[in-house]
Protein backbone atom coordinates (compact mmCIF):
# COMPACT_ATOMS: atom_id res chain seq x y z
CA UNK A 1 11.96 20.07 16.60
CA UNK A 2 13.59 17.74 19.08
CA UNK A 3 12.58 14.10 18.88
CA UNK A 4 10.79 13.36 22.15
CA UNK A 5 8.38 10.75 23.38
CA UNK A 6 5.00 12.47 23.56
CA UNK A 7 4.52 11.45 27.19
CA UNK A 8 7.69 13.36 28.01
CA UNK A 9 6.67 16.28 25.79
CA UNK A 10 3.45 16.68 27.75
CA UNK A 11 5.38 17.17 31.00
CA UNK A 12 7.32 20.23 29.92
CA UNK A 13 6.69 23.70 28.61
CA UNK A 14 8.50 22.84 25.39
CA UNK A 15 8.03 24.32 21.95
CA UNK A 16 6.10 21.19 20.91
CA UNK A 17 3.48 22.01 23.53
CA UNK A 18 3.42 25.67 22.53
CA UNK A 19 2.94 24.67 18.90
CA UNK A 20 0.24 22.16 19.69
CA UNK A 21 -1.80 24.55 21.86
CA UNK A 22 -1.64 27.28 19.21
CA UNK A 23 -2.57 24.74 16.57
CA UNK A 24 -5.67 23.63 18.45
CA UNK A 25 -6.71 27.24 19.01
CA UNK A 26 -6.19 28.20 15.33
CA UNK A 27 -3.76 30.91 16.38
CA UNK A 28 -1.69 32.63 13.67
CA UNK A 29 1.98 31.75 13.29
CA UNK A 30 4.75 33.84 11.79
CA UNK A 31 6.51 32.29 8.77
CA UNK A 32 9.91 32.80 7.20
CA UNK A 33 10.94 31.76 3.72
CA UNK A 34 14.66 32.53 4.09
CA UNK A 35 15.10 31.69 7.80
CA UNK A 36 15.97 35.33 8.48
CA UNK A 37 13.00 37.53 7.60
CA UNK A 38 9.45 37.26 8.91
CA UNK A 39 7.34 37.22 5.74
CA UNK A 40 3.87 37.24 7.28
CA UNK A 41 1.53 34.98 9.23
CA UNK A 42 -0.43 31.81 8.54
CA UNK A 43 -3.20 29.91 10.28
CA UNK A 44 -2.72 26.16 10.14
CA UNK A 45 -5.80 24.38 8.85
CA UNK A 46 -4.37 20.87 8.67
CA UNK A 47 -1.26 19.10 9.88
CA UNK A 48 0.15 16.42 7.59
CA UNK A 49 3.12 14.10 7.30
CA UNK A 50 4.75 12.74 4.17
CA UNK A 51 4.81 8.99 3.70
CA UNK A 52 6.28 7.97 0.34
CA UNK A 53 4.55 10.15 -2.27
CA UNK A 54 1.50 10.78 -0.11
CA UNK A 55 0.54 13.39 2.45
CA UNK A 56 -1.44 11.93 5.33
CA UNK A 57 -3.68 14.09 7.50
CA UNK A 58 -3.26 14.00 11.30
CA UNK A 59 -6.60 14.56 13.10
CA UNK A 60 -6.44 17.04 15.98
CA UNK A 61 -8.50 14.73 18.17
CA UNK A 62 -5.72 13.04 20.13
CA UNK A 63 -2.79 14.57 22.03
CA UNK A 64 -0.89 11.31 21.70
CA UNK A 65 -1.46 11.05 17.97
CA UNK A 66 -0.48 14.63 17.12
CA UNK A 67 2.51 14.87 19.45
CA UNK A 68 3.65 11.38 18.50
CA UNK A 69 3.67 12.30 14.81
CA UNK A 70 5.48 15.57 15.56
CA UNK A 71 8.20 13.63 17.33
CA UNK A 72 8.47 10.88 14.70
CA UNK A 73 8.17 12.74 11.38
CA UNK A 74 10.26 15.79 12.29
CA UNK A 75 11.69 16.35 8.79
CA UNK A 76 8.59 15.25 6.86
CA UNK A 77 5.94 17.37 8.53
CA UNK A 78 3.80 19.69 6.41
CA UNK A 79 0.92 22.05 7.00
CA UNK A 80 -2.03 23.22 5.00
CA UNK A 81 -2.35 26.92 5.75
CA UNK A 82 -4.34 30.06 5.20
CA UNK A 83 -1.87 32.87 4.42
CA UNK A 84 -2.30 36.54 5.19
CA UNK A 85 -1.77 39.00 2.30
CA UNK A 86 1.89 39.66 3.20
CA UNK A 87 2.77 35.97 3.37
CA UNK A 88 0.78 35.16 0.22
CA UNK A 89 2.68 37.81 -1.72
CA UNK A 90 6.07 36.51 -0.54
CA UNK A 91 5.37 32.77 -0.81
CA UNK A 92 6.97 30.74 -3.60
CA UNK A 93 6.44 27.00 -3.13
CA UNK A 94 9.45 24.74 -3.06
CA UNK A 95 9.56 21.20 -4.38
CA UNK A 96 6.64 18.78 -4.07
CA UNK A 97 4.56 18.48 -1.99
CA UNK A 98 4.70 22.22 -1.33
CA UNK A 99 2.00 24.16 -3.21
CA UNK A 100 0.08 27.40 -2.95
CA UNK A 101 -1.30 26.46 0.48
CA UNK A 102 0.95 23.56 1.56
CA UNK A 103 4.33 24.26 3.12
CA UNK A 104 6.93 22.41 5.11
CA UNK A 105 6.48 22.80 8.87
CA UNK A 106 9.95 24.26 9.36
CA UNK A 107 8.81 27.35 7.42
CA UNK A 108 7.43 28.52 10.78
CA UNK A 109 9.54 31.32 12.18
CA UNK A 110 11.12 30.21 15.46
CA UNK A 111 10.87 33.36 17.50
CA UNK A 112 11.05 34.01 21.25
CA UNK A 113 8.18 31.63 21.97
CA UNK A 114 10.12 28.67 20.58
CA UNK A 115 12.73 28.33 23.29
CA UNK A 116 12.94 24.62 24.15
CA UNK A 117 12.15 24.23 27.82
CA UNK A 118 13.60 27.64 28.69
CA UNK A 119 11.12 29.83 30.46
CA UNK A 120 11.32 33.38 31.81
CA UNK A 121 9.31 32.41 34.89
CA UNK A 122 10.18 30.59 38.09
CA UNK A 123 8.04 27.54 38.86
CA UNK A 124 8.14 28.27 42.58
CA UNK A 125 6.57 31.69 42.04
CA UNK A 126 3.90 30.26 39.74
CA UNK A 127 3.23 27.58 42.38
CA UNK A 128 2.40 30.36 44.87
CA UNK A 129 -0.38 31.56 42.61
CA UNK A 130 -1.78 28.07 42.00
CA UNK A 131 -1.70 27.14 45.69
CA UNK A 132 -3.41 30.37 46.70
CA UNK A 133 -6.18 29.79 44.15
CA UNK A 134 -6.60 26.21 45.38
CA UNK A 135 -7.08 27.47 48.94
CA UNK A 136 -9.69 29.99 47.82
CA UNK A 137 -11.47 27.11 46.07
CA UNK A 138 -11.31 25.09 49.31
CA UNK A 139 -13.00 27.81 51.39
CA UNK A 140 -15.66 28.29 48.71
CA UNK A 141 -16.83 24.67 49.05
CA UNK A 142 -20.29 24.25 50.53
CA UNK A 143 -19.03 21.95 53.31
CA UNK A 144 -15.49 21.32 54.64
CA UNK A 145 -15.51 17.59 53.87
CA UNK A 146 -16.11 18.18 50.16
CA UNK A 147 -13.26 17.61 47.70
CA UNK A 148 -11.65 20.45 45.75
CA UNK A 149 -11.17 19.64 42.06
CA UNK A 150 -9.06 21.21 39.34
CA UNK A 151 -12.25 22.60 37.80
CA UNK A 152 -12.93 24.45 41.09
CA UNK A 153 -9.46 26.02 41.01
CA UNK A 154 -9.77 26.94 37.34
CA UNK A 155 -12.93 28.91 38.15
CA UNK A 156 -11.00 30.95 40.72
CA UNK A 157 -8.14 31.67 38.31
CA UNK A 158 -10.60 32.53 35.52
CA UNK A 159 -11.97 35.33 37.71
CA UNK A 160 -8.57 37.04 37.41
CA UNK A 161 -8.91 37.19 33.63
CA UNK A 162 -6.15 36.95 31.05
CA UNK A 163 -2.78 38.60 31.45
CA UNK A 164 -2.87 42.31 30.58
CA UNK A 165 0.25 43.56 32.34
CA UNK A 166 -1.31 43.66 35.81
CA UNK A 167 0.95 42.13 38.47
CA UNK A 168 -1.31 42.48 41.53
CA UNK A 169 -4.96 41.40 41.68
CA UNK A 170 -7.32 41.83 44.61
CA UNK A 171 -10.81 40.35 44.42
CA UNK A 172 -13.11 41.10 47.34
CA UNK A 173 -16.58 40.86 45.79
CA UNK A 174 -16.74 37.51 43.97
CA UNK A 175 -15.83 34.77 46.43
CA UNK A 176 -17.70 33.67 49.54
CA UNK A 177 -17.45 30.80 52.02
CA UNK A 178 -20.68 29.19 53.33
CA UNK A 179 -21.50 29.12 57.04
CA UNK A 180 -23.31 26.41 58.99
CA UNK A 181 -26.58 27.35 60.70
CA UNK A 182 -25.87 28.56 64.23
CA UNK A 183 -28.45 28.12 67.00
CA UNK A 184 -31.16 27.67 64.39
CA UNK A 185 -30.16 30.93 62.68
CA UNK A 186 -29.04 30.87 59.06
CA UNK A 187 -25.84 32.91 58.72
CA UNK A 188 -24.80 34.81 55.64
CA UNK A 189 -21.61 33.42 54.02
CA UNK A 190 -18.12 34.61 54.92
CA UNK A 191 -16.41 37.05 52.59
CA UNK A 192 -13.18 35.89 50.91
CA UNK A 193 -10.62 38.53 49.95
CA UNK A 194 -8.13 37.10 47.47
CA UNK A 195 -4.90 38.95 46.68
CA UNK A 196 -2.19 37.58 44.41
CA UNK A 197 0.88 39.58 43.46
CA UNK A 198 3.58 38.10 41.22
CA UNK A 199 6.28 39.64 39.06
CA UNK A 200 5.36 40.00 35.38
CA UNK A 201 6.78 36.72 33.95
CA UNK A 202 5.41 34.69 36.86
CA UNK A 203 1.96 36.28 36.68
CA UNK A 204 1.84 35.75 32.92
CA UNK A 205 2.70 32.07 33.38
CA UNK A 206 0.24 31.64 36.27
CA UNK A 207 -2.60 33.00 34.14
CA UNK A 208 -1.65 30.79 31.18
CA UNK A 209 -3.73 27.62 31.02
CA UNK A 210 -1.08 26.13 28.73
CA UNK A 211 1.61 26.55 31.40
CA UNK A 212 -0.65 25.26 34.17
CA UNK A 213 -1.52 22.13 32.17
CA UNK A 214 2.00 21.31 31.01
CA UNK A 215 5.06 22.30 32.99
CA UNK A 216 3.06 22.93 36.17
CA UNK A 217 0.80 19.89 35.89
CA UNK A 218 2.30 17.86 38.76
CA UNK A 219 2.74 20.98 40.90
CA UNK A 220 -0.93 21.81 40.26
CA UNK A 221 -2.00 18.35 41.45
CA UNK A 222 0.11 18.76 44.59
CA UNK A 223 -1.50 22.13 45.34
CA UNK A 224 -4.95 20.57 45.09
CA UNK A 225 -3.87 17.68 47.32
CA UNK A 226 -2.77 20.19 49.97
CA UNK A 227 -6.09 22.04 49.67
CA UNK A 228 -7.77 18.68 50.37
CA UNK A 229 -5.49 17.86 53.32
CA UNK A 230 -6.85 17.42 56.84
CA UNK A 231 -4.95 20.51 57.98
CA UNK A 232 -6.75 22.79 55.53
CA UNK A 233 -10.11 21.05 55.97
CA UNK A 234 -9.89 21.77 59.70
CA UNK A 235 -9.35 25.48 59.04
CA UNK A 236 -12.28 25.39 56.63
CA UNK A 237 -14.35 23.75 59.37
CA UNK A 238 -13.32 26.51 61.78
CA UNK A 239 -14.65 29.15 59.41
CA UNK A 240 -17.78 27.06 58.72
CA UNK A 241 -18.77 26.31 62.32
CA UNK A 242 -17.52 29.25 64.39
CA UNK A 243 -20.95 30.89 64.49
CA UNK A 244 -20.04 34.22 62.96
CA UNK A 245 -19.44 35.90 59.63
CA UNK A 246 -15.75 36.24 58.84
CA UNK A 247 -13.57 38.04 56.36
CA UNK A 248 -11.08 35.42 55.16
CA UNK A 249 -7.99 36.84 53.44
CA UNK A 250 -5.86 34.64 51.16
CA UNK A 251 -2.74 36.45 50.04
CA UNK A 252 0.04 35.23 47.73
CA UNK A 253 2.61 37.94 48.24
CA UNK A 254 5.50 37.27 45.87
CA UNK A 255 5.81 41.03 45.20
CA UNK A 256 5.56 42.14 48.82
CA UNK A 257 8.54 43.22 50.92
CA UNK A 258 8.66 40.27 53.27
CA UNK A 259 11.38 41.67 55.59
CA UNK A 260 13.20 38.40 56.09
CA UNK A 261 10.19 36.24 56.86
CA UNK A 262 10.33 34.33 53.52
CA UNK A 263 6.54 34.14 53.70
CA UNK A 264 4.98 33.46 50.29
CA UNK A 265 1.41 32.69 51.26
CA UNK A 266 -0.63 34.05 54.14
CA UNK A 267 -4.16 33.23 55.30
CA UNK A 268 -5.77 35.34 58.01
CA UNK A 269 -9.30 36.11 59.17
CA UNK A 270 -11.22 38.73 61.11
CA UNK A 271 -14.84 39.14 62.11
CA UNK A 272 -17.18 40.74 59.58
CA UNK A 273 -16.20 44.22 60.79
CA UNK A 274 -12.49 43.62 60.22
CA UNK A 275 -11.67 43.26 63.92
CA UNK A 276 -9.90 40.53 65.93
CA UNK A 277 -7.44 39.50 63.22
CA UNK A 278 -5.98 36.01 63.55
CA UNK A 279 -3.47 34.16 61.42
CA UNK A 280 -4.61 30.80 60.12
CA UNK A 281 -1.65 29.81 58.00
CA UNK A 282 1.72 31.11 56.80
CA UNK A 283 3.77 29.19 54.25
CA UNK A 284 6.93 29.35 52.21
CA UNK A 285 6.11 27.71 48.85
CA UNK A 286 8.62 25.70 46.82
CA UNK A 287 8.23 23.72 43.62
CA UNK A 288 9.77 20.25 43.15
CA UNK A 289 11.60 18.24 45.75
CA UNK A 290 15.14 18.85 46.94
CA UNK A 291 16.45 16.67 49.77
CA UNK A 292 19.36 18.96 50.59
CA UNK A 293 18.55 21.92 52.81
CA UNK A 294 22.01 23.12 53.81
CA UNK A 295 25.72 22.55 53.41
CA UNK A 296 29.16 23.26 54.74
CA UNK A 297 31.51 23.56 51.79
CA UNK A 298 35.17 22.66 51.53
CA UNK A 299 37.66 20.42 53.32
CA UNK A 300 39.23 22.80 55.84
CA UNK A 301 39.73 21.16 59.21
CA UNK A 302 37.81 23.99 60.89
CA UNK A 303 34.80 23.29 58.63
CA UNK A 304 34.65 19.62 59.63
CA UNK A 305 35.21 20.50 63.28
CA UNK A 306 32.24 22.87 63.18
CA UNK A 307 30.00 20.32 61.46
CA UNK A 308 30.82 17.41 63.78
CA UNK A 309 30.61 19.66 66.82
CA UNK A 310 27.23 21.20 66.09
CA UNK A 311 25.50 17.88 65.26
CA UNK A 312 27.34 15.37 67.46
CA UNK A 313 29.07 17.42 70.16
CA UNK A 314 32.53 16.02 69.40
CA UNK A 315 35.95 17.67 69.21
CA UNK A 316 38.27 16.66 66.36
CA UNK A 317 41.46 17.93 68.01
CA UNK A 318 42.76 14.37 68.42
CA UNK A 319 42.77 13.71 64.65
CA UNK A 320 43.93 17.13 63.48
CA UNK A 321 47.49 16.17 62.51
CA UNK A 322 46.41 12.95 60.79
CA UNK A 323 43.62 14.79 58.95
CA UNK A 324 46.01 17.41 57.57
CA UNK A 325 48.59 14.77 56.66
CA UNK A 326 46.02 12.92 54.54
CA UNK A 327 45.05 16.17 52.80
CA UNK A 328 48.68 17.07 52.09
CA UNK A 329 49.73 13.68 50.76
CA UNK A 330 50.65 13.55 47.07
CA UNK A 331 48.21 12.68 45.69
CA UNK A 332 45.92 14.04 48.41
CA UNK A 333 43.74 11.46 50.17
CA UNK A 334 40.78 13.77 50.64
CA UNK A 335 38.20 10.99 50.94
CA UNK A 336 40.16 9.31 53.74
CA UNK A 337 40.53 12.62 55.59
CA UNK A 338 36.79 13.32 55.41
CA UNK A 339 35.92 9.76 56.43
CA UNK A 340 38.26 10.14 59.41
CA UNK A 341 36.46 13.32 60.54
CA UNK A 342 33.03 11.72 60.13
CA UNK A 343 34.18 8.63 62.03
CA UNK A 344 34.64 10.64 65.24
CA UNK A 345 30.93 11.55 65.38
CA UNK A 346 30.00 8.03 64.29
CA UNK A 347 32.00 6.42 67.10
CA UNK A 348 30.79 8.91 69.71
CA UNK A 349 27.20 7.72 69.27
CA UNK A 350 27.47 3.98 68.98
CA UNK A 351 29.35 3.23 65.71
CA UNK A 352 26.07 2.25 64.07
CA UNK A 353 24.52 0.55 67.10
CA UNK A 354 21.22 1.67 68.61
CA UNK A 355 22.08 3.80 71.64
CA UNK A 356 20.25 6.11 73.99
CA UNK A 357 20.78 9.80 73.38
CA UNK A 358 20.65 12.08 76.41
CA UNK A 359 18.42 15.15 76.33
CA UNK A 360 21.49 17.34 75.78
CA UNK A 361 22.40 15.51 72.53
CA UNK A 362 18.82 15.49 71.25
CA UNK A 363 18.62 19.24 71.82
CA UNK A 364 22.01 19.77 70.19
CA UNK A 365 21.03 17.82 67.10
CA UNK A 366 17.66 19.59 66.84
CA UNK A 367 19.35 23.00 67.26
CA UNK A 368 21.75 22.21 64.40
CA UNK A 369 19.13 20.83 62.02
CA UNK A 370 16.71 23.69 62.70
CA UNK A 371 19.44 26.30 62.22
CA UNK A 372 20.54 24.84 58.89
CA UNK A 373 16.97 24.49 57.62
CA UNK A 374 15.86 27.98 58.58
CA UNK A 375 18.96 30.15 58.16
CA UNK A 376 17.96 31.01 54.58
CA UNK A 377 14.26 30.09 54.54
CA UNK A 378 13.15 31.85 57.74
CA UNK A 379 10.94 30.32 60.43
CA UNK A 380 7.89 29.89 58.21
CA UNK A 381 6.80 26.27 57.48
CA UNK A 382 7.85 25.09 54.04
CA UNK A 383 5.38 23.57 51.59
CA UNK A 384 7.17 21.80 48.76
CA UNK A 385 4.89 20.95 45.82
CA UNK A 386 6.35 17.95 44.02
CA UNK A 387 6.06 17.06 40.34
CA UNK A 388 4.69 13.69 41.47
CA UNK A 389 1.52 15.52 42.57
CA UNK A 390 2.35 15.17 46.27
CA UNK A 391 2.64 18.06 48.78
CA UNK A 392 5.61 17.82 51.15
CA UNK A 393 5.08 19.92 54.28
CA UNK A 394 7.94 20.59 56.68
CA UNK A 395 7.86 22.73 59.81
CA UNK A 396 11.23 22.71 61.58
CA UNK A 397 9.64 24.61 64.46
CA UNK A 398 8.19 21.24 65.52
CA UNK A 399 11.57 19.51 65.65
CA UNK A 400 12.59 20.08 69.27
CA UNK A 401 9.33 18.86 70.73
CA UNK A 402 9.00 15.85 68.40
CA UNK A 403 12.59 14.60 68.74
CA UNK A 404 12.19 14.50 72.53
CA UNK A 405 9.57 11.75 72.09
CA UNK A 406 12.36 9.36 71.09
CA UNK A 407 15.15 8.03 73.29
CA UNK A 408 17.00 5.67 70.96
CA UNK A 409 19.03 6.65 67.90
CA UNK A 410 21.59 5.19 65.55
CA UNK A 411 24.02 6.60 62.99
CA UNK A 412 24.64 4.26 60.07
CA UNK A 413 27.63 5.06 57.86
CA UNK A 414 26.87 3.97 54.30
CA UNK A 415 30.08 4.77 52.51
CA UNK A 416 29.64 5.50 48.81
CA UNK A 417 32.12 5.05 45.98
CA UNK A 418 32.66 8.08 43.75
CA UNK A 419 35.17 9.60 41.37
CA UNK A 420 36.67 11.29 44.41
CA UNK A 421 37.10 8.10 46.43
CA UNK A 422 35.02 6.42 49.13
CA UNK A 423 32.93 9.10 50.80
CA UNK A 424 31.12 9.01 54.17
CA UNK A 425 27.33 9.16 54.42
CA UNK A 426 25.60 9.22 57.80
CA UNK A 427 21.99 7.99 57.99
CA UNK A 428 20.52 9.19 61.30
CA UNK A 429 17.63 7.04 62.56
CA UNK A 430 15.20 7.11 65.46
CA UNK A 431 14.06 3.85 67.10
CA UNK A 432 11.06 3.01 69.27
CA UNK A 433 13.29 1.01 71.61
CA UNK A 434 16.66 -0.72 71.59
CA UNK A 435 15.20 -3.78 69.85
CA UNK A 436 13.73 -1.75 66.95
CA UNK A 437 16.38 -2.71 64.42
CA UNK A 438 14.80 -1.07 61.38
CA UNK A 439 14.09 2.38 62.79
CA UNK A 440 13.10 5.49 60.85
CA UNK A 441 15.52 7.53 58.74
CA UNK A 442 15.16 11.14 59.85
CA UNK A 443 18.16 12.98 58.35
CA UNK A 444 21.31 12.41 56.33
CA UNK A 445 24.71 14.09 56.54
CA UNK A 446 27.06 13.16 53.72
CA UNK A 447 29.91 14.32 51.54
CA UNK A 448 28.97 15.40 48.05
CA UNK A 449 31.43 15.98 45.24
CA UNK A 450 31.34 18.04 42.07
CA UNK A 451 33.72 18.94 39.26
CA UNK A 452 34.75 22.56 38.96
CA UNK A 453 36.03 23.65 35.56
CA UNK A 454 39.04 25.97 35.63
CA UNK A 455 41.48 27.31 33.06
CA UNK A 456 44.23 25.32 34.72
CA UNK A 457 42.17 22.13 34.50
CA UNK A 458 39.19 20.50 36.18
CA UNK A 459 39.28 20.04 39.95
CA UNK A 460 37.07 18.26 42.49
CA UNK A 461 35.19 20.20 45.12
CA UNK A 462 33.94 18.46 48.28
CA UNK A 463 31.08 19.67 50.43
CA UNK A 464 29.19 18.25 53.40
CA UNK A 465 25.43 18.45 52.85
CA UNK A 466 22.54 18.07 55.29
CA UNK A 467 19.48 16.42 53.78
CA UNK A 468 15.98 15.30 54.57
CA UNK A 469 15.54 11.53 54.50
CA UNK A 470 12.69 9.12 53.86
CA UNK A 471 11.06 9.55 57.30
CA UNK A 472 11.86 13.19 58.13
CA UNK A 473 8.14 13.90 58.11
CA UNK A 474 7.52 12.02 61.36
CA UNK A 475 9.34 14.86 63.15
CA UNK A 476 8.47 17.94 61.12
CA UNK A 477 5.77 16.94 58.64
CA UNK A 478 2.03 16.57 58.30
CA UNK A 479 -0.20 13.70 57.20
CA UNK A 480 -2.41 13.97 54.11
């Protein structure tokens, strides 16, 4: 077993976690006495570590204690076991302290379940299931202002049962959403129809409490935070106070043919007869945060011309010969060529100073950012569930309207040293007025470099990337 700090172990779906969960549940393990053949199964009754000539018992009462010992005493871990008949027949104890029911921990057969950190499922797909269950739990709350807890979500997931090969579940007779009294009349609760469809490995992981509590722990917290957000509470209030019985449908549709919409989660509602369908929410679900949302790869002049033109409305024709000369120098001065191209857009809009952008430039910039963000993800708002436990909501459909609220902008060039030279990095900011020196960082456009391994030798590859920045949310986000 790898030597890891137990706090780190708890964050990942590692074999230590798998072992520990099976240990606590008294699940049988396969054992091998020649590291090739499976000789039977054992149930671990005690976990021990060797200290000098003594074996010391590790109580199962503390995650920190057990996982800490696993990490520290890797080569001196033993187990007291109950052997099945096949294992008992094959077992010949080694040197002390092995005996008829004590064996070294590494006798456990490391089969498919013991892959360190490698999982057959995608966290983004599992996140769809968790978020959908969290939203069902939200609508089940007695009143919209109440807080959804992890226990509430676990009850929803428990209704699906354990994994048995089924990849699509629909529950339409277990979940309801309370209604407020209307005109002195007590209304029956709304019906909730919950459908979740995930491919086999993702469904298996979603239904595994071990996975949800380890590798998905931060994502799970973020899903609950979104279910408790003002946006979702307002939809819950709509269902609660609209004076009618509704059928609320929550659908996580990872297996559905989405026909280019990239929609992972869909909430809709009708009246109690199934008429007057309205869409409440559509989302594309992602797991973990990635600032970059698009790129233009390579150093061709035409690539840089396109990038600077679409975001800044500039033409690079005046630097074309100098740009190509820098690229063709021996050795090539790629960083200087790229910085030259970026400098044209930088100079056009104030060289770092706060300047007023005309409506035409604001629209141009919004067009470019929206295109890059949605060309692969579709026009559905994106909900990114971060390992920190925070939901990050971005709807680029809001960008054009929100950017028009600002008149003043600046482009700061924070050049960065790298193995490929000094590379340009544009920080685009909005400002309340010309005296607002700090501003808000809305987007970044920068050159990123990576090493490509080739038979002929390693080479550097340059790409321009478009990224969210610290304050992107003021234009396309939501408050929680």
